[in-house]
Amino acid sequence: MVNRLSEQVTRLARDEIRLAAAEMRTKGKRVGTGAGLLGGAGVLAWFGLMTVLAGLVLLLATVMPAWIAAFVVAVALFAVAGVLALVGRKQIDRGTPPVPEEAIAGVKQDIATVSERAHR
């Protein structure tokens, strides 16, 4: 009986380690996706700033309405950057903290079950 219990505990520990590893991979992917989206938001915000500056240069250089087009493009780029930033932040929030919460809960439940059976 002790030998069987030892085998079961070993198998259970291995299964919990596999579960924790799978959970950490999922969270890592979410954080990576969120970081990539935030990076994309930063690039688009930079392009937006450059477009605004080009619009201001055009505004100062001429009285033709070409600057209006530059500001429309800049506003569109900032809108896309804002959406990417929000989506990226949400992905990072879903992936943090990088703790295998489900695996920890499973181990705690397993310990409680083993303790309960040992006391019978």
PDB file of N, CA and C in Angstrom:
ATOM      1  N   MET A   1       0.826  -1.195   0.000  1.00  0.00           N
ATOM      2  CA  MET A   1       0.000   0.000   0.000  1.00  0.00           C
ATOM      3  C   MET A   1       0.870   1.259   0.000  1.00  0.00           C
ATOM      4  N   VAL A   2       1.942   1.233   0.792  1.00  0.00           N
ATOM      5  CA  VAL A   2       2.846   2.381   0.835  1.00  0.00           C
ATOM      6  C   VAL A   2       3.519   2.564  -0.524  1.00  0.00           C
ATOM      7  N   ASN A   3       3.890   1.444  -1.147  1.00  0.00           N
ATOM      8  CA  ASN A   3       4.518   1.507  -2.469  1.00  0.00           C
ATOM      9  C   ASN A   3       3.558   2.112  -3.489  1.00  0.00           C
ATOM     10  N   ARG A   4       2.301   1.698  -3.450  1.00  0.00           N
ATOM     11  CA  ARG A   4       1.293   2.233  -4.369  1.00  0.00           C
ATOM     12  C   ARG A   4       1.069   3.723  -4.133  1.00  0.00           C
ATOM     13  N   LEU A   5       1.021   4.112  -2.862  1.00  0.00           N
ATOM     14  CA  LEU A   5       0.848   5.528  -2.520  1.00  0.00           C
ATOM     15  C   LEU A   5       2.023   6.342  -3.039  1.00  0.00           C
ATOM     16  N   SER A   6       3.227   5.807  -2.896  1.00  0.00           N
ATOM     17  CA  SER A   6       4.422   6.495  -3.384  1.00  0.00           C
ATOM     18  C   SER A   6       4.361   6.680  -4.895  1.00  0.00           C
ATOM     19  N   GLU A   7       3.936   5.646  -5.614  1.00  0.00           N
ATOM     20  CA  GLU A   7       3.812   5.753  -7.068  1.00  0.00           C
ATOM     21  C   GLU A   7       2.767   6.789  -7.460  1.00  0.00           C
ATOM     22  N   GLN A   8       1.659   6.795  -6.736  1.00  0.00           N
ATOM     23  CA  GLN A   8       0.597   7.753  -7.042  1.00  0.00           C
ATOM     24  C   GLN A   8       1.049   9.184  -6.779  1.00  0.00           C
ATOM     25  N   VAL A   9       1.769   9.390  -5.684  1.00  0.00           N
ATOM     26  CA  VAL A   9       2.263  10.734  -5.364  1.00  0.00           C
ATOM     27  C   VAL A   9       3.264  11.179  -6.424  1.00  0.00           C
ATOM     28  N   THR A  10       4.135  10.260  -6.844  1.00  0.00           N
ATOM     29  CA  THR A  10       5.110  10.597  -7.888  1.00  0.00           C
ATOM     30  C   THR A  10       4.409  10.959  -9.191  1.00  0.00           C
ATOM     31  N   ARG A  11       3.435  10.143  -9.589  1.00  0.00           N
ATOM     32  CA  ARG A  11       2.688  10.421 -10.818  1.00  0.00           C
ATOM     33  C   ARG A  11       1.949  11.752 -10.708  1.00  0.00           C
ATOM     34  N   LEU A  12       1.352  11.979  -9.545  1.00  0.00           N
ATOM     35  CA  LEU A  12       0.621  13.224  -9.322  1.00  0.00           C
ATOM     36  C   LEU A  12       1.555  14.430  -9.418  1.00  0.00           C
ATOM     37  N   ALA A  13       2.742  14.319  -8.827  1.00  0.00           N
ATOM     38  CA  ALA A  13       3.705  15.424  -8.881  1.00  0.00           C
ATOM     39  C   ALA A  13       4.119  15.704 -10.323  1.00  0.00           C
ATOM     40  N   ARG A  14       4.367  14.651 -11.089  1.00  0.00           N
ATOM     41  CA  ARG A  14       4.748  14.837 -12.498  1.00  0.00           C
ATOM     42  C   ARG A  14       3.625  15.502 -13.289  1.00  0.00           C
ATOM     43  N   ASP A  15       2.401  15.057 -13.043  1.00  0.00           N
ATOM     44  CA  ASP A  15       1.258  15.657 -13.742  1.00  0.00           C
ATOM     45  C   ASP A  15       1.107  17.129 -13.388  1.00  0.00           C
ATOM     46  N   GLU A  16       1.302  17.466 -12.129  1.00  0.00           N
ATOM     47  CA  GLU A  16       1.181  18.867 -11.705  1.00  0.00           C
ATOM     48  C   GLU A  16       2.288  19.715 -12.325  1.00  0.00           C
ATOM     49  N   ILE A  17       3.480  19.161 -12.438  1.00  0.00           N
ATOM     50  CA  ILE A  17       4.585  19.898 -13.068  1.00  0.00           C
ATOM     51  C   ILE A  17       4.277  20.143 -14.541  1.00  0.00           C
ATOM     52  N   ARG A  18       3.724  19.133 -15.218  1.00  0.00           N
ATOM     53  CA  ARG A  18       3.335  19.317 -16.627  1.00  0.00           C
ATOM     54  C   ARG A  18       2.258  20.389 -16.763  1.00  0.00           C
ATOM     55  N   LEU A  19       1.288  20.376 -15.849  1.00  0.00           N
ATOM     56  CA  LEU A  19       0.225  21.381 -15.872  1.00  0.00           C
ATOM     57  C   LEU A  19       0.798  22.779 -15.655  1.00  0.00           C
ATOM     58  N   ALA A  20       1.713  22.904 -14.698  1.00  0.00           N
ATOM     59  CA  ALA A  20       2.329  24.211 -14.437  1.00  0.00           C
ATOM     60  C   ALA A  20       3.104  24.701 -15.656  1.00  0.00           C
ATOM     61  N   ALA A  21       3.836  23.800 -16.304  1.00  0.00           N
ATOM     62  CA  ALA A  21       4.604  24.193 -17.491  1.00  0.00           C
ATOM     63  C   ALA A  21       3.678  24.648 -18.615  1.00  0.00           C
ATOM     64  N   ALA A  22       2.584  23.929 -18.820  1.00  0.00           N
ATOM     65  CA  ALA A  22       1.629  24.322 -19.869  1.00  0.00           C
ATOM     66  C   ALA A  22       1.008  25.675 -19.561  1.00  0.00           C
ATOM     67  N   GLU A  23       0.673  25.907 -18.303  1.00  0.00           N
ATOM     68  CA  GLU A  23       0.077  27.193 -17.917  1.00  0.00           C
ATOM     69  C   GLU A  23       1.068  28.335 -18.114  1.00  0.00           C
ATOM     70  N   MET A  24       2.334  28.105 -17.774  1.00  0.00           N
ATOM     71  CA  MET A  24       3.347  29.148 -17.939  1.00  0.00           C
ATOM     72  C   MET A  24       3.584  29.453 -19.421  1.00  0.00           C
ATOM     73  N   ARG A  25       3.528  28.427 -20.279  1.00  0.00           N
ATOM     74  CA  ARG A  25       3.676  28.681 -21.722  1.00  0.00           C
ATOM     75  C   ARG A  25       2.548  29.573 -22.225  1.00  0.00           C
ATOM     76  N   THR A  26       1.323  29.292 -21.786  1.00  0.00           N
ATOM     77  CA  THR A  26       0.174  30.096 -22.209  1.00  0.00           C
ATOM     78  C   THR A  26       0.331  31.538 -21.752  1.00  0.00           C
ATOM     79  N   LYS A  27       0.710  31.731 -20.492  1.00  0.00           N
ATOM     80  CA  LYS A  27       0.879  33.097 -19.985  1.00  0.00           C
ATOM     81  C   LYS A  27       2.025  33.805 -20.690  1.00  0.00           C
ATOM     82  N   GLY A  28       3.098  33.092 -20.965  1.00  0.00           N
ATOM     83  CA  GLY A  28       4.226  33.689 -21.671  1.00  0.00           C
ATOM     84  C   GLY A  28       3.841  34.161 -23.061  1.00  0.00           C
ATOM     85  N   LYS A  29       3.028  33.367 -23.751  1.00  0.00           N
ATOM     86  CA  LYS A  29       2.570  33.764 -25.084  1.00  0.00           C
ATOM     87  C   LYS A  29       1.721  35.026 -25.007  1.00  0.00           C
ATOM     88  N   ARG A  30       0.863  35.111 -23.995  1.00  0.00           N
ATOM     89  CA  ARG A  30       0.015  36.305 -23.854  1.00  0.00           C
ATOM     90  C   ARG A  30       0.860  37.548 -23.599  1.00  0.00           C
ATOM     91  N   VAL A  31       1.850  37.421 -22.728  1.00  0.00           N
ATOM     92  CA  VAL A  31       2.715  38.567 -22.439  1.00  0.00           C
ATOM     93  C   VAL A  31       3.488  38.962 -23.693  1.00  0.00           C
ATOM     94  N   GLY A  32       3.979  37.972 -24.442  1.00  0.00           N
ATOM     95  CA  GLY A  32       4.696  38.269 -25.680  1.00  0.00           C
ATOM     96  C   GLY A  32       3.820  38.975 -26.698  1.00  0.00           C
ATOM     97  N   THR A  33       2.582  38.506 -26.836  1.00  0.00           N
ATOM     98  CA  THR A  33       1.644  39.149 -27.762  1.00  0.00           C
ATOM     99  C   THR A  33       1.361  40.580 -27.326  1.00  0.00           C
ATOM    100  N   GLY A  34       1.114  40.764 -26.040  1.00  0.00           N
ATOM    101  CA  GLY A  34       0.842  42.105 -25.525  1.00  0.00           C
ATOM    102  C   GLY A  34       2.021  43.041 -25.731  1.00  0.00           C
ATOM    103  N   ALA A  35       3.223  42.542 -25.481  1.00  0.00           N
ATOM    104  CA  ALA A  35       4.416  43.371 -25.671  1.00  0.00           C
ATOM    105  C   ALA A  35       4.588  43.738 -27.144  1.00  0.00           C
ATOM    106  N   GLY A  36       4.323  42.786 -28.031  1.00  0.00           N
ATOM    107  CA  GLY A  36       4.415  43.079 -29.466  1.00  0.00           C
ATOM    108  C   GLY A  36       3.413  44.136 -29.900  1.00  0.00           C
ATOM    109  N   LEU A  37       2.184  44.025 -29.379  1.00  0.00           N
ATOM    110  CA  LEU A  37       1.162  45.022 -29.722  1.00  0.00           C
ATOM    111  C   LEU A  37       1.527  46.400 -29.171  1.00  0.00           C
ATOM    112  N   LEU A  38       2.072  46.441 -27.961  1.00  0.00           N
ATOM    113  CA  LEU A  38       2.509  47.731 -27.413  1.00  0.00           C
ATOM    114  C   LEU A  38       3.665  48.308 -28.229  1.00  0.00           C
ATOM    115  N   GLY A  39       4.553  47.449 -28.703  1.00  0.00           N
ATOM    116  CA  GLY A  39       5.629  47.913 -29.581  1.00  0.00           C
ATOM    117  C   GLY A  39       5.070  48.497 -30.869  1.00  0.00           C
ATOM    118  N   GLY A  40       4.073  47.808 -31.442  1.00  0.00           N
ATOM    119  CA  GLY A  40       3.412  48.324 -32.645  1.00  0.00           C
ATOM    120  C   GLY A  40       2.741  49.659 -32.388  1.00  0.00           C
ATOM    121  N   ALA A  41       2.130  49.795 -31.210  1.00  0.00           N
ATOM    122  CA  ALA A  41       1.497  51.066 -30.851  1.00  0.00           C
ATOM    123  C   ALA A  41       2.532  52.183 -30.774  1.00  0.00           C
ATOM    124  N   GLY A  42       3.687  51.870 -30.229  1.00  0.00           N
ATOM    125  CA  GLY A  42       4.752  52.872 -30.139  1.00  0.00           C
ATOM    126  C   GLY A  42       5.240  53.323 -31.506  1.00  0.00           C
ATOM    127  N   VAL A  43       5.401  52.376 -32.409  1.00  0.00           N
ATOM    128  CA  VAL A  43       5.847  52.712 -33.772  1.00  0.00           C
ATOM    129  C   VAL A  43       4.814  53.597 -34.463  1.00  0.00           C
ATOM    130  N   LEU A  44       3.531  53.210 -34.369  1.00  0.00           N
ATOM    131  CA  LEU A  44       2.490  54.016 -35.014  1.00  0.00           C
ATOM    132  C   LEU A  44       2.371  55.401 -34.372  1.00  0.00           C
ATOM    133  N   ALA A  45       2.562  55.493 -33.070  1.00  0.00           N
ATOM    134  CA  ALA A  45       2.543  56.803 -32.412  1.00  0.00           C
ATOM    135  C   ALA A  45       3.698  57.671 -32.924  1.00  0.00           C
ATOM    136  N   TRP A  46       4.854  57.056 -33.131  1.00  0.00           N
ATOM    137  CA  TRP A  46       6.001  57.794 -33.680  1.00  0.00           C
ATOM    138  C   TRP A  46       5.691  58.298 -35.091  1.00  0.00           C
ATOM    139  N   PHE A  47       5.107  57.413 -35.917  1.00  0.00           N
ATOM    140  CA  PHE A  47       4.708  57.841 -37.263  1.00  0.00           C
ATOM    141  C   PHE A  47       3.693  58.983 -37.186  1.00  0.00           C
ATOM    142  N   GLY A  48       2.770  58.897 -36.225  1.00  0.00           N
ATOM    143  CA  GLY A  48       1.786  59.965 -36.045  1.00  0.00           C
ATOM    144  C   GLY A  48       2.447  61.287 -35.701  1.00  0.00           C
ATOM    145  N   LEU A  49       3.416  61.232 -34.824  1.00  0.00           N
ATOM    146  CA  LEU A  49       4.132  62.449 -34.449  1.00  0.00           C
ATOM    147  C   LEU A  49       4.870  63.038 -35.654  1.00  0.00           C
ATOM    148  N   MET A  50       5.503  62.187 -36.435  1.00  0.00           N
ATOM    149  CA  MET A  50       6.214  62.674 -37.620  1.00  0.00           C
ATOM    150  C   MET A  50       5.242  63.297 -38.629  1.00  0.00           C
ATOM    151  N   THR A  51       4.055  62.704 -38.741  1.00  0.00           N
ATOM    152  CA  THR A  51       3.055  63.255 -39.660  1.00  0.00           C
ATOM    153  C   THR A  51       2.565  64.610 -39.176  1.00  0.00           C
ATOM    154  N   VAL A  52       2.358  64.732 -37.863  1.00  0.00           N
ATOM    155  CA  VAL A  52       1.947  66.033 -37.308  1.00  0.00           C
ATOM    156  C   VAL A  52       3.019  67.077 -37.589  1.00  0.00           C
ATOM    157  N   LEU A  53       4.252  66.704 -37.389  1.00  0.00           N
ATOM    158  CA  LEU A  53       5.330  67.652 -37.666  1.00  0.00           C
ATOM    159  C   LEU A  53       5.378  68.021 -39.150  1.00  0.00           C
ATOM    160  N   ALA A  54       5.186  67.043 -40.012  1.00  0.00           N
ATOM    161  CA  ALA A  54       5.152  67.345 -41.450  1.00  0.00           C
ATOM    162  C   ALA A  54       3.987  68.274 -41.768  1.00  0.00           C
ATOM    163  N   GLY A  55       2.849  68.050 -41.102  1.00  0.00           N
ATOM    164  CA  GLY A  55       1.694  68.927 -41.306  1.00  0.00           C
ATOM    165  C   GLY A  55       1.974  70.347 -40.853  1.00  0.00           C
ATOM    166  N   LEU A  56       2.648  70.477 -39.729  1.00  0.00           N
ATOM    167  CA  LEU A  56       2.991  71.819 -39.260  1.00  0.00           C
ATOM    168  C   LEU A  56       3.968  72.513 -40.214  1.00  0.00           C
ATOM    169  N   VAL A  57       4.912  71.732 -40.746  1.00  0.00           N
ATOM    170  CA  VAL A  57       5.849  72.302 -41.719  1.00  0.00           C
ATOM    171  C   VAL A  57       5.096  72.769 -42.961  1.00  0.00           C
ATOM    172  N   LEU A  58       4.185  71.923 -43.436  1.00  0.00           N
ATOM    173  CA  LEU A  58       3.399  72.314 -44.609  1.00  0.00           C
ATOM    174  C   LEU A  58       2.544  73.536 -44.310  1.00  0.00           C
ATOM    175  N   LEU A  59       2.001  73.598 -43.108  1.00  0.00           N
ATOM    176  CA  LEU A  59       1.171  74.737 -42.723  1.00  0.00           C
ATOM    177  C   LEU A  59       1.985  76.028 -42.743  1.00  0.00           C
ATOM    178  N   LEU A  60       3.167  75.929 -42.228  1.00  0.00           N
ATOM    179  CA  LEU A  60       4.004  77.123 -42.200  1.00  0.00           C
ATOM    180  C   LEU A  60       4.579  77.456 -43.583  1.00  0.00           C
ATOM    181  N   ALA A  61       4.811  76.447 -44.404  1.00  0.00           N
ATOM    182  CA  ALA A  61       5.466  76.661 -45.693  1.00  0.00           C
ATOM    183  C   ALA A  61       4.526  77.167 -46.778  1.00  0.00           C
ATOM    184  N   THR A  62       3.274  76.896 -46.630  1.00  0.00           N
ATOM    185  CA  THR A  62       2.335  77.274 -47.691  1.00  0.00           C
ATOM    186  C   THR A  62       0.966  77.550 -47.092  1.00  0.00           C
ATOM    187  N   VAL A  63       0.178  78.215 -47.835  1.00  0.00           N
ATOM    188  CA  VAL A  63      -1.188  78.480 -47.386  1.00  0.00           C
ATOM    189  C   VAL A  63      -2.172  77.539 -48.059  1.00  0.00           C
ATOM    190  N   MET A  64      -1.663  76.560 -48.785  1.00  0.00           N
ATOM    191  CA  MET A  64      -2.529  75.572 -49.426  1.00  0.00           C
ATOM    192  C   MET A  64      -3.015  74.570 -48.378  1.00  0.00           C
ATOM    193  N   PRO A  65      -4.156  73.957 -48.588  1.00  0.00           N
ATOM    194  CA  PRO A  65      -4.735  73.083 -47.573  1.00  0.00           C
ATOM    195  C   PRO A  65      -4.115  71.681 -47.480  1.00  0.00           C
ATOM    196  N   ALA A  66      -2.906  71.469 -47.953  1.00  0.00           N
ATOM    197  CA  ALA A  66      -2.262  70.155 -47.851  1.00  0.00           C
ATOM    198  C   ALA A  66      -2.058  69.736 -46.398  1.00  0.00           C
ATOM    199  N   TRP A  67      -1.933  70.677 -45.517  1.00  0.00           N
ATOM    200  CA  TRP A  67      -1.721  70.345 -44.101  1.00  0.00           C
ATOM    201  C   TRP A  67      -2.925  69.636 -43.493  1.00  0.00           C
ATOM    202  N   ILE A  68      -4.109  69.899 -44.012  1.00  0.00           N
ATOM    203  CA  ILE A  68      -5.304  69.230 -43.482  1.00  0.00           C
ATOM    204  C   ILE A  68      -5.183  67.717 -43.687  1.00  0.00           C
ATOM    205  N   ALA A  69      -4.713  67.324 -44.841  1.00  0.00           N
ATOM    206  CA  ALA A  69      -4.529  65.893 -45.109  1.00  0.00           C
ATOM    207  C   ALA A  69      -3.521  65.278 -44.143  1.00  0.00           C
ATOM    208  N   ALA A  70      -2.458  66.010 -43.850  1.00  0.00           N
ATOM    209  CA  ALA A  70      -1.450  65.495 -42.919  1.00  0.00           C
ATOM    210  C   ALA A  70      -2.049  65.278 -41.532  1.00  0.00           C
ATOM    211  N   PHE A  71      -2.904  66.179 -41.082  1.00  0.00           N
ATOM    212  CA  PHE A  71      -3.520  66.016 -39.761  1.00  0.00           C
ATOM    213  C   PHE A  71      -4.543  64.881 -39.751  1.00  0.00           C
ATOM    214  N   VAL A  72      -5.255  64.691 -40.837  1.00  0.00           N
ATOM    215  CA  VAL A  72      -6.205  63.570 -40.911  1.00  0.00           C
ATOM    216  C   VAL A  72      -5.446  62.242 -40.794  1.00  0.00           C
ATOM    217  N   VAL A  73      -4.327  62.129 -41.525  1.00  0.00           N
ATOM    218  CA  VAL A  73      -3.515  60.912 -41.449  1.00  0.00           C
ATOM    219  C   VAL A  73      -2.974  60.723 -40.033  1.00  0.00           C
ATOM    220  N   ALA A  74      -2.516  61.795 -39.416  1.00  0.00           N
ATOM    221  CA  ALA A  74      -1.973  61.704 -38.056  1.00  0.00           C
ATOM    222  C   ALA A  74      -3.032  61.245 -37.066  1.00  0.00           C
ATOM    223  N   VAL A  75      -4.229  61.786 -37.171  1.00  0.00           N
ATOM    224  CA  VAL A  75      -5.311  61.386 -36.269  1.00  0.00           C
ATOM    225  C   VAL A  75      -5.628  59.904 -36.452  1.00  0.00           C
ATOM    226  N   ALA A  76      -5.655  59.454 -37.691  1.00  0.00           N
ATOM    227  CA  ALA A  76      -5.922  58.035 -37.953  1.00  0.00           C
ATOM    228  C   ALA A  76      -4.833  57.149 -37.347  1.00  0.00           C
ATOM    229  N   LEU A  77      -3.570  57.548 -37.498  1.00  0.00           N
ATOM    230  CA  LEU A  77      -2.477  56.765 -36.919  1.00  0.00           C
ATOM    231  C   LEU A  77      -2.560  56.729 -35.395  1.00  0.00           C
ATOM    232  N   PHE A  78      -2.880  57.859 -34.778  1.00  0.00           N
ATOM    233  CA  PHE A  78      -3.016  57.874 -33.317  1.00  0.00           C
ATOM    234  C   PHE A  78      -4.188  57.003 -32.860  1.00  0.00           C
ATOM    235  N   ALA A  79      -5.253  56.986 -33.626  1.00  0.00           N
ATOM    236  CA  ALA A  79      -6.400  56.137 -33.266  1.00  0.00           C
ATOM    237  C   ALA A  79      -6.002  54.661 -33.305  1.00  0.00           C
ATOM    238  N   VAL A  80      -5.294  54.268 -34.346  1.00  0.00           N
ATOM    239  CA  VAL A  80      -4.837  52.877 -34.440  1.00  0.00           C
ATOM    240  C   VAL A  80      -3.861  52.561 -33.306  1.00  0.00           C
ATOM    241  N   ALA A  81      -2.960  53.489 -33.009  1.00  0.00           N
ATOM    242  CA  ALA A  81      -2.012  53.283 -31.908  1.00  0.00           C
ATOM    243  C   ALA A  81      -2.744  53.111 -30.584  1.00  0.00           C
ATOM    244  N   GLY A  82      -3.781  53.890 -30.370  1.00  0.00           N
ATOM    245  CA  GLY A  82      -4.561  53.761 -29.136  1.00  0.00           C
ATOM    246  C   GLY A  82      -5.224  52.406 -29.014  1.00  0.00           C
ATOM    247  N   VAL A  83      -5.793  51.928 -30.104  1.00  0.00           N
ATOM    248  CA  VAL A  83      -6.430  50.601 -30.086  1.00  0.00           C
ATOM    249  C   VAL A  83      -5.385  49.520 -29.807  1.00  0.00           C
ATOM    250  N   LEU A  84      -4.244  49.585 -30.484  1.00  0.00           N
ATOM    251  CA  LEU A  84      -3.183  48.602 -30.252  1.00  0.00           C
ATOM    252  C   LEU A  84      -2.689  48.640 -28.807  1.00  0.00           C
ATOM    253  N   ALA A  85      -2.553  49.830 -28.254  1.00  0.00           N
ATOM    254  CA  ALA A  85      -2.100  49.952 -26.868  1.00  0.00           C
ATOM    255  C   ALA A  85      -3.102  49.329 -25.906  1.00  0.00           C
ATOM    256  N   LEU A  86      -4.380  49.568 -26.121  1.00  0.00           N
ATOM    257  CA  LEU A  86      -5.399  48.984 -25.242  1.00  0.00           C
ATOM    258  C   LEU A  86      -5.425  47.464 -25.345  1.00  0.00           C
ATOM    259  N   VAL A  87      -5.362  46.949 -26.553  1.00  0.00           N
ATOM    260  CA  VAL A  87      -5.376  45.495 -26.742  1.00  0.00           C
ATOM    261  C   VAL A  87      -4.101  44.873 -26.159  1.00  0.00           C
ATOM    262  N   GLY A  88      -2.969  45.519 -26.387  1.00  0.00           N
ATOM    263  CA  GLY A  88      -1.707  45.015 -25.843  1.00  0.00           C
ATOM    264  C   GLY A  88      -1.693  45.005 -24.331  1.00  0.00           C
ATOM    265  N   ARG A  89      -2.185  46.052 -23.735  1.00  0.00           N
ATOM    266  CA  ARG A  89      -2.250  46.124 -22.268  1.00  0.00           C
ATOM    267  C   ARG A  89      -3.158  45.031 -21.717  1.00  0.00           C
ATOM    268  N   LYS A  90      -4.260  44.781 -22.390  1.00  0.00           N
ATOM    269  CA  LYS A  90      -5.178  43.730 -21.950  1.00  0.00           C
ATOM    270  C   LYS A  90      -4.490  42.367 -22.009  1.00  0.00           C
ATOM    271  N   GLN A  91      -3.714  42.129 -23.063  1.00  0.00           N
ATOM    272  CA  GLN A  91      -2.993  40.861 -23.178  1.00  0.00           C
ATOM    273  C   GLN A  91      -1.973  40.698 -22.052  1.00  0.00           C
ATOM    274  N   ILE A  92      -1.265  41.764 -21.733  1.00  0.00           N
ATOM    275  CA  ILE A  92      -0.283  41.694 -20.649  1.00  0.00           C
ATOM    276  C   ILE A  92      -0.980  41.455 -19.317  1.00  0.00           C
ATOM    277  N   ASP A  93      -2.108  42.120 -19.083  1.00  0.00           N
ATOM    278  CA  ASP A  93      -2.860  41.907 -17.842  1.00  0.00           C
ATOM    279  C   ASP A  93      -3.319  40.462 -17.719  1.00  0.00           C
ATOM    280  N   ARG A  94      -3.706  39.849 -18.835  1.00  0.00           N
ATOM    281  CA  ARG A  94      -4.173  38.459 -18.806  1.00  0.00           C
ATOM    282  C   ARG A  94      -3.027  37.492 -18.522  1.00  0.00           C
ATOM    283  N   GLY A  95      -1.815  37.878 -18.860  1.00  0.00           N
ATOM    284  CA  GLY A  95      -0.671  36.990 -18.687  1.00  0.00           C
ATOM    285  C   GLY A  95       0.123  37.204 -17.423  1.00  0.00           C
ATOM    286  N   THR A  96      -0.216  38.200 -16.643  1.00  0.00           N
ATOM    287  CA  THR A  96       0.532  38.481 -15.426  1.00  0.00           C
ATOM    288  C   THR A  96      -0.371  38.340 -14.215  1.00  0.00           C
ATOM    289  N   PRO A  97       0.136  38.035 -13.050  1.00  0.00           N
ATOM    290  CA  PRO A  97       1.535  37.707 -12.788  1.00  0.00           C
ATOM    291  C   PRO A  97       1.867  36.334 -13.362  1.00  0.00           C
ATOM    292  N   PRO A  98       3.131  36.122 -13.737  1.00  0.00           N
ATOM    293  CA  PRO A  98       3.494  34.848 -14.369  1.00  0.00           C
ATOM    294  C   PRO A  98       3.605  33.719 -13.348  1.00  0.00           C
ATOM    295  N   VAL A  99       2.482  33.361 -12.767  1.00  0.00           N
ATOM    296  CA  VAL A  99       2.414  32.305 -11.758  1.00  0.00           C
ATOM    297  C   VAL A  99       1.410  31.264 -12.250  1.00  0.00           C
ATOM    298  N   PRO A 100       1.746  29.983 -12.176  1.00  0.00           N
ATOM    299  CA  PRO A 100       0.803  28.948 -12.621  1.00  0.00           C
ATOM    300  C   PRO A 100      -0.309  28.749 -11.596  1.00  0.00           C
ATOM    301  N   GLU A 101      -1.267  29.646 -11.577  1.00  0.00           N
ATOM    302  CA  GLU A 101      -2.303  29.654 -10.544  1.00  0.00           C
ATOM    303  C   GLU A 101      -3.115  28.364 -10.524  1.00  0.00           C
ATOM    304  N   GLU A 102      -3.486  27.851 -11.690  1.00  0.00           N
ATOM    305  CA  GLU A 102      -4.279  26.622 -11.743  1.00  0.00           C
ATOM    306  C   GLU A 102      -3.480  25.440 -11.197  1.00  0.00           C
ATOM    307  N   ALA A 103      -2.212  25.369 -11.543  1.00  0.00           N
ATOM    308  CA  ALA A 103      -1.380  24.272 -11.060  1.00  0.00           C
ATOM    309  C   ALA A 103      -1.203  24.348  -9.545  1.00  0.00           C
ATOM    310  N   ILE A 104      -1.009  25.550  -9.017  1.00  0.00           N
ATOM    311  CA  ILE A 104      -0.856  25.720  -7.570  1.00  0.00           C
ATOM    312  C   ILE A 104      -2.130  25.296  -6.854  1.00  0.00           C
ATOM    313  N   ALA A 105      -3.269  25.697  -7.396  1.00  0.00           N
ATOM    314  CA  ALA A 105      -4.545  25.300  -6.790  1.00  0.00           C
ATOM    315  C   ALA A 105      -4.703  23.783  -6.828  1.00  0.00           C
ATOM    316  N   GLY A 106      -4.288  23.161  -7.925  1.00  0.00           N
ATOM    317  CA  GLY A 106      -4.369  21.707  -8.035  1.00  0.00           C
ATOM    318  C   GLY A 106      -3.483  21.006  -7.024  1.00  0.00           C
ATOM    319  N   VAL A 107      -2.262  21.511  -6.835  1.00  0.00           N
ATOM    320  CA  VAL A 107      -1.348  20.919  -5.853  1.00  0.00           C
ATOM    321  C   VAL A 107      -1.922  21.056  -4.449  1.00  0.00           C
ATOM    322  N   LYS A 108      -2.463  22.223  -4.124  1.00  0.00           N
ATOM    323  CA  LYS A 108      -3.065  22.415  -2.799  1.00  0.00           C
ATOM    324  C   LYS A 108      -4.217  21.444  -2.577  1.00  0.00           C
ATOM    325  N   GLN A 109      -5.025  21.257  -3.602  1.00  0.00           N
ATOM    326  CA  GLN A 109      -6.146  20.321  -3.488  1.00  0.00           C
ATOM    327  C   GLN A 109      -5.628  18.894  -3.321  1.00  0.00           C
ATOM    328  N   ASP A 110      -4.586  18.538  -4.064  1.00  0.00           N
ATOM    329  CA  ASP A 110      -4.015  17.194  -3.944  1.00  0.00           C
ATOM    330  C   ASP A 110      -3.445  16.957  -2.551  1.00  0.00           C
ATOM    331  N   ILE A 111      -2.754  17.946  -2.008  1.00  0.00           N
ATOM    332  CA  ILE A 111      -2.190  17.822  -0.660  1.00  0.00           C
ATOM    333  C   ILE A 111      -3.303  17.646   0.359  1.00  0.00           C
ATOM    334  N   ALA A 112      -4.361  18.423   0.198  1.00  0.00           N
ATOM    335  CA  ALA A 112      -5.490  18.301   1.124  1.00  0.00           C
ATOM    336  C   ALA A 112      -6.118  16.916   1.033  1.00  0.00           C
ATOM    337  N   THR A 113      -6.249  16.384  -0.178  1.00  0.00           N
ATOM    338  CA  THR A 113      -6.834  15.050  -0.363  1.00  0.00           C
ATOM    339  C   THR A 113      -5.951  13.978   0.261  1.00  0.00           C
ATOM    340  N   VAL A 114      -4.643  14.055   0.011  1.00  0.00           N
ATOM    341  CA  VAL A 114      -3.719  13.073   0.583  1.00  0.00           C
ATOM    342  C   VAL A 114      -3.727  13.165   2.103  1.00  0.00           C
ATOM    343  N   SER A 115      -3.713  14.377   2.640  1.00  0.00           N
ATOM    344  CA  SER A 115      -3.738  14.556   4.098  1.00  0.00           C
ATOM    345  C   SER A 115      -5.015  13.991   4.694  1.00  0.00           C
ATOM    346  N   GLU A 116      -6.123  14.238   4.022  1.00  0.00           N
ATOM    347  CA  GLU A 116      -7.411  13.747   4.514  1.00  0.00           C
ATOM    348  C   GLU A 116      -7.429  12.222   4.538  1.00  0.00           C
ATOM    349  N   ARG A 117      -6.926  11.595   3.487  1.00  0.00           N
ATOM    350  CA  ARG A 117      -6.909  10.130   3.430  1.00  0.00           C
ATOM    351  C   ARG A 117      -5.913   9.542   4.421  1.00  0.00           C
ATOM    352  N   ALA A 118      -4.828  10.247   4.674  1.00  0.00           N
ATOM    353  CA  ALA A 118      -3.829   9.746   5.618  1.00  0.00           C
ATOM    354  C   ALA A 118      -4.360   9.759   7.047  1.00  0.00           C
ATOM    355  N   HIS A 119      -5.271  10.659   7.347  1.00  0.00           N
ATOM    356  CA  HIS A 119      -5.816  10.789   8.701  1.00  0.00           C
ATOM    357  C   HIS A 119      -6.966   9.826   8.959  1.00  0.00           C
ATOM    358  N   ARG A 120      -7.424   9.108   7.963  1.00  0.00           N
ATOM    359  CA  ARG A 120      -8.548   8.174   8.146  1.00  0.00           C
ATOM    360  C   ARG A 120      -8.136   6.917   8.828  1.00  0.00           C
TER     361      ARG A 120
END
